[in-house]
């Protein structure tokens, strides 16, 4: 796994997560728009970690960003454009 992490880092990845891959696969199969926002609360080795208060404040910002993005996407979806 460490070799893969080094390769992703060398490629410019700032974070990784596994949970939304299922959403993207199902969205593709069902021809539904899908999206994800990744909130990073700690470094991969946990050497750097947000405090609980900072993490809570970041959750609020992430929720607002997701809702703002949804508002921007919805008008395009009404026109039938999916790509």
N, C-alpha and C. Protein backbone atom coordinates (compact mmCIF):
# COMPACT_ATOMS: atom_id res chain seq x y z
N UNK A 1 0.82 -1.20 0.00
CA UNK A 1 0.00 0.00 0.00
C UNK A 1 0.87 1.26 0.00
N UNK A 2 1.99 1.22 0.69
CA UNK A 2 2.85 2.41 0.76
C UNK A 2 3.37 2.79 -0.62
N UNK A 3 3.70 1.81 -1.44
CA UNK A 3 4.15 2.10 -2.80
C UNK A 3 3.07 2.78 -3.62
N UNK A 4 1.85 2.33 -3.46
CA UNK A 4 0.73 2.95 -4.17
C UNK A 4 0.52 4.38 -3.69
N UNK A 5 0.62 4.59 -2.39
CA UNK A 5 0.44 5.94 -1.85
C UNK A 5 1.52 6.87 -2.40
N UNK A 6 2.75 6.38 -2.49
CA UNK A 6 3.84 7.20 -3.03
C UNK A 6 3.58 7.55 -4.49
N UNK A 7 3.05 6.60 -5.25
CA UNK A 7 2.75 6.86 -6.66
C UNK A 7 1.65 7.90 -6.80
N UNK A 8 0.61 7.81 -6.00
CA UNK A 8 -0.47 8.79 -6.06
C UNK A 8 0.04 10.17 -5.65
N UNK A 9 0.87 10.23 -4.61
CA UNK A 9 1.43 11.50 -4.17
C UNK A 9 2.30 12.11 -5.26
N UNK A 10 3.11 11.28 -5.90
CA UNK A 10 3.96 11.77 -6.99
C UNK A 10 3.11 12.30 -8.14
N UNK A 11 1.92 11.73 -8.31
CA UNK A 11 1.01 12.18 -9.36
C UNK A 11 0.22 13.42 -8.99
N UNK A 12 0.38 13.92 -7.77
CA UNK A 12 -0.28 15.15 -7.37
C UNK A 12 -1.50 14.97 -6.48
N UNK A 13 -1.81 13.74 -6.09
CA UNK A 13 -2.98 13.52 -5.22
C UNK A 13 -2.72 14.13 -3.85
N UNK A 14 -3.71 14.84 -3.34
CA UNK A 14 -3.61 15.46 -2.03
C UNK A 14 -4.31 14.64 -0.96
N UNK A 15 -5.24 13.78 -1.38
CA UNK A 15 -6.01 12.97 -0.44
C UNK A 15 -6.56 11.76 -1.18
N UNK A 16 -7.02 10.80 -0.41
CA UNK A 16 -7.67 9.63 -1.00
C UNK A 16 -8.80 9.19 -0.09
N UNK A 17 -9.75 8.50 -0.68
CA UNK A 17 -10.85 7.94 0.09
C UNK A 17 -11.46 6.80 -0.71
N UNK A 18 -12.17 5.91 -0.05
CA UNK A 18 -12.71 4.73 -0.73
C UNK A 18 -14.23 4.67 -0.72
N UNK A 19 -14.85 5.44 0.11
CA UNK A 19 -16.27 5.25 0.36
C UNK A 19 -17.19 5.59 -0.81
N UNK A 20 -16.83 6.55 -1.65
CA UNK A 20 -17.76 6.97 -2.69
C UNK A 20 -17.62 6.20 -4.00
N UNK A 21 -16.67 5.29 -4.08
CA UNK A 21 -16.51 4.55 -5.34
C UNK A 21 -17.79 3.79 -5.69
N UNK A 22 -18.47 3.25 -4.70
CA UNK A 22 -19.72 2.54 -4.95
C UNK A 22 -20.77 3.49 -5.53
N UNK A 23 -20.83 4.72 -5.02
CA UNK A 23 -21.79 5.69 -5.55
C UNK A 23 -21.52 5.98 -7.03
N UNK A 24 -20.25 6.14 -7.38
CA UNK A 24 -19.92 6.44 -8.77
C UNK A 24 -20.22 5.25 -9.69
N UNK A 25 -19.97 4.05 -9.23
CA UNK A 25 -20.29 2.86 -10.04
C UNK A 25 -21.80 2.75 -10.23
N UNK A 26 -22.56 2.86 -9.15
CA UNK A 26 -24.02 2.77 -9.26
C UNK A 26 -24.58 3.91 -10.09
N UNK A 27 -24.06 5.11 -9.90
CA UNK A 27 -24.51 6.25 -10.70
C UNK A 27 -24.27 6.01 -12.18
N UNK A 28 -23.13 5.44 -12.50
CA UNK A 28 -22.83 5.13 -13.90
C UNK A 28 -23.78 4.07 -14.45
N UNK A 29 -24.01 3.04 -13.67
CA UNK A 29 -24.90 1.96 -14.11
C UNK A 29 -26.34 2.45 -14.29
N UNK A 30 -26.77 3.33 -13.39
CA UNK A 30 -28.16 3.82 -13.42
C UNK A 30 -28.30 5.11 -14.21
N UNK A 31 -27.20 5.58 -14.78
CA UNK A 31 -27.16 6.82 -15.54
C UNK A 31 -27.68 8.00 -14.71
N UNK A 32 -27.17 8.08 -13.47
CA UNK A 32 -27.51 9.16 -12.55
C UNK A 32 -26.28 9.99 -12.27
N UNK A 33 -26.47 11.29 -12.13
CA UNK A 33 -25.36 12.16 -11.74
C UNK A 33 -24.96 11.84 -10.31
N UNK A 34 -23.69 11.78 -10.09
CA UNK A 34 -23.18 11.54 -8.73
C UNK A 34 -22.06 12.52 -8.45
N UNK A 35 -21.83 12.76 -7.20
CA UNK A 35 -20.75 13.66 -6.81
C UNK A 35 -20.28 13.32 -5.42
N UNK A 36 -19.14 13.87 -5.07
CA UNK A 36 -18.57 13.59 -3.76
C UNK A 36 -17.70 14.76 -3.32
N UNK A 37 -17.68 15.00 -2.05
CA UNK A 37 -16.76 15.96 -1.46
C UNK A 37 -15.99 15.21 -0.38
N UNK A 38 -14.69 15.30 -0.44
CA UNK A 38 -13.83 14.60 0.52
C UNK A 38 -13.32 15.61 1.55
N UNK A 39 -13.67 15.39 2.79
CA UNK A 39 -13.17 16.23 3.87
C UNK A 39 -12.00 15.51 4.54
N UNK A 40 -10.84 16.09 4.49
CA UNK A 40 -9.64 15.47 5.06
C UNK A 40 -9.43 16.02 6.47
N UNK A 41 -9.47 15.12 7.45
CA UNK A 41 -9.34 15.53 8.84
C UNK A 41 -7.99 15.15 9.45
N UNK A 42 -7.24 14.28 8.76
CA UNK A 42 -5.92 13.90 9.28
C UNK A 42 -5.03 13.44 8.14
N UNK A 43 -3.74 13.46 8.39
CA UNK A 43 -2.79 12.95 7.40
C UNK A 43 -2.86 11.43 7.41
N UNK A 44 -2.34 10.81 6.35
CA UNK A 44 -2.44 9.36 6.23
C UNK A 44 -1.81 8.63 7.41
N UNK A 45 -0.79 9.21 8.04
CA UNK A 45 -0.14 8.57 9.18
C UNK A 45 -0.64 9.13 10.52
N UNK A 46 -1.65 9.99 10.46
CA UNK A 46 -2.26 10.63 11.64
C UNK A 46 -1.30 11.54 12.39
N UNK A 47 -0.19 11.91 11.76
CA UNK A 47 0.75 12.84 12.41
C UNK A 47 0.14 14.23 12.53
N UNK A 48 -0.71 14.58 11.57
CA UNK A 48 -1.40 15.86 11.60
C UNK A 48 -2.89 15.57 11.65
N UNK A 49 -3.57 16.14 12.61
CA UNK A 49 -4.99 15.86 12.77
C UNK A 49 -5.71 17.13 13.20
N UNK A 50 -6.91 17.36 12.64
CA UNK A 50 -7.72 18.50 13.06
C UNK A 50 -8.23 18.28 14.48
N UNK A 51 -8.39 19.38 15.21
CA UNK A 51 -9.03 19.28 16.51
C UNK A 51 -10.51 19.00 16.28
N UNK A 52 -11.20 18.45 17.27
CA UNK A 52 -12.65 18.23 17.11
C UNK A 52 -13.40 19.51 16.74
N UNK A 53 -13.02 20.64 17.31
CA UNK A 53 -13.70 21.91 17.00
C UNK A 53 -13.44 22.32 15.55
N UNK A 54 -12.20 22.18 15.10
CA UNK A 54 -11.88 22.52 13.71
C UNK A 54 -12.58 21.58 12.75
N UNK A 55 -12.64 20.29 13.09
CA UNK A 55 -13.33 19.33 12.23
C UNK A 55 -14.82 19.66 12.14
N UNK A 56 -15.43 20.03 13.25
CA UNK A 56 -16.85 20.39 13.24
C UNK A 56 -17.10 21.63 12.37
N UNK A 57 -16.23 22.62 12.47
CA UNK A 57 -16.37 23.82 11.66
C UNK A 57 -16.18 23.49 10.18
N UNK A 58 -15.27 22.57 9.88
CA UNK A 58 -15.04 22.17 8.49
C UNK A 58 -16.24 21.41 7.93
N UNK A 59 -16.87 20.59 8.76
CA UNK A 59 -18.07 19.87 8.31
C UNK A 59 -19.13 20.86 7.84
N UNK A 60 -19.33 21.93 8.61
CA UNK A 60 -20.31 22.94 8.21
C UNK A 60 -19.95 23.55 6.85
N UNK A 61 -18.67 23.85 6.63
CA UNK A 61 -18.24 24.42 5.36
C UNK A 61 -18.43 23.44 4.21
N UNK A 62 -18.16 22.17 4.47
CA UNK A 62 -18.31 21.13 3.44
C UNK A 62 -19.78 20.98 3.05
N UNK A 63 -20.67 21.00 4.03
CA UNK A 63 -22.10 20.89 3.75
C UNK A 63 -22.56 22.07 2.90
N UNK A 64 -22.13 23.27 3.25
CA UNK A 64 -22.50 24.45 2.48
C UNK A 64 -21.96 24.35 1.05
N UNK A 65 -20.71 23.89 0.90
CA UNK A 65 -20.13 23.73 -0.44
C UNK A 65 -20.93 22.72 -1.26
N UNK A 66 -21.35 21.62 -0.64
CA UNK A 66 -22.13 20.61 -1.35
C UNK A 66 -23.47 21.17 -1.79
N UNK A 67 -24.13 21.91 -0.93
CA UNK A 67 -25.42 22.50 -1.28
C UNK A 67 -25.27 23.55 -2.38
N UNK A 68 -24.22 24.36 -2.29
CA UNK A 68 -23.96 25.35 -3.34
C UNK A 68 -23.72 24.66 -4.68
N UNK A 69 -22.97 23.57 -4.67
CA UNK A 69 -22.70 22.83 -5.92
C UNK A 69 -23.99 22.24 -6.48
N UNK A 70 -24.84 21.72 -5.61
CA UNK A 70 -26.11 21.15 -6.06
C UNK A 70 -26.98 22.21 -6.74
N UNK A 71 -27.00 23.41 -6.20
CA UNK A 71 -27.77 24.50 -6.79
C UNK A 71 -27.24 24.81 -8.19
N UNK A 72 -25.92 24.74 -8.37
CA UNK A 72 -25.34 25.01 -9.68
C UNK A 72 -25.61 23.89 -10.67
N UNK A 73 -25.67 22.66 -10.21
CA UNK A 73 -25.86 21.50 -11.09
C UNK A 73 -27.33 21.34 -11.49
N UNK A 74 -28.24 21.62 -10.63
CA UNK A 74 -29.66 21.38 -10.90
C UNK A 74 -30.18 22.04 -12.16
N UNK A 75 -29.88 23.33 -12.45
CA UNK A 75 -30.39 23.91 -13.69
C UNK A 75 -29.90 23.16 -14.93
N UNK A 76 -28.66 22.68 -14.91
CA UNK A 76 -28.16 21.91 -16.06
C UNK A 76 -28.90 20.59 -16.19
N UNK A 77 -29.25 19.98 -15.06
CA UNK A 77 -29.96 18.69 -15.10
C UNK A 77 -31.36 18.87 -15.69
N UNK A 78 -32.00 19.99 -15.41
CA UNK A 78 -33.35 20.22 -15.93
C UNK A 78 -33.35 20.31 -17.44
N UNK A 79 -32.25 20.76 -18.01
CA UNK A 79 -32.15 20.85 -19.47
C UNK A 79 -31.82 19.54 -20.15
N UNK A 80 -31.61 18.49 -19.34
CA UNK A 80 -31.34 17.17 -19.89
C UNK A 80 -29.89 16.90 -20.22
N UNK A 81 -29.01 17.84 -19.95
CA UNK A 81 -27.60 17.63 -20.22
C UNK A 81 -27.00 16.80 -19.09
N UNK A 82 -26.35 15.71 -19.40
CA UNK A 82 -25.78 14.84 -18.37
C UNK A 82 -24.27 14.75 -18.45
N UNK A 83 -23.62 15.50 -19.27
CA UNK A 83 -22.16 15.35 -19.37
C UNK A 83 -21.52 16.60 -19.31
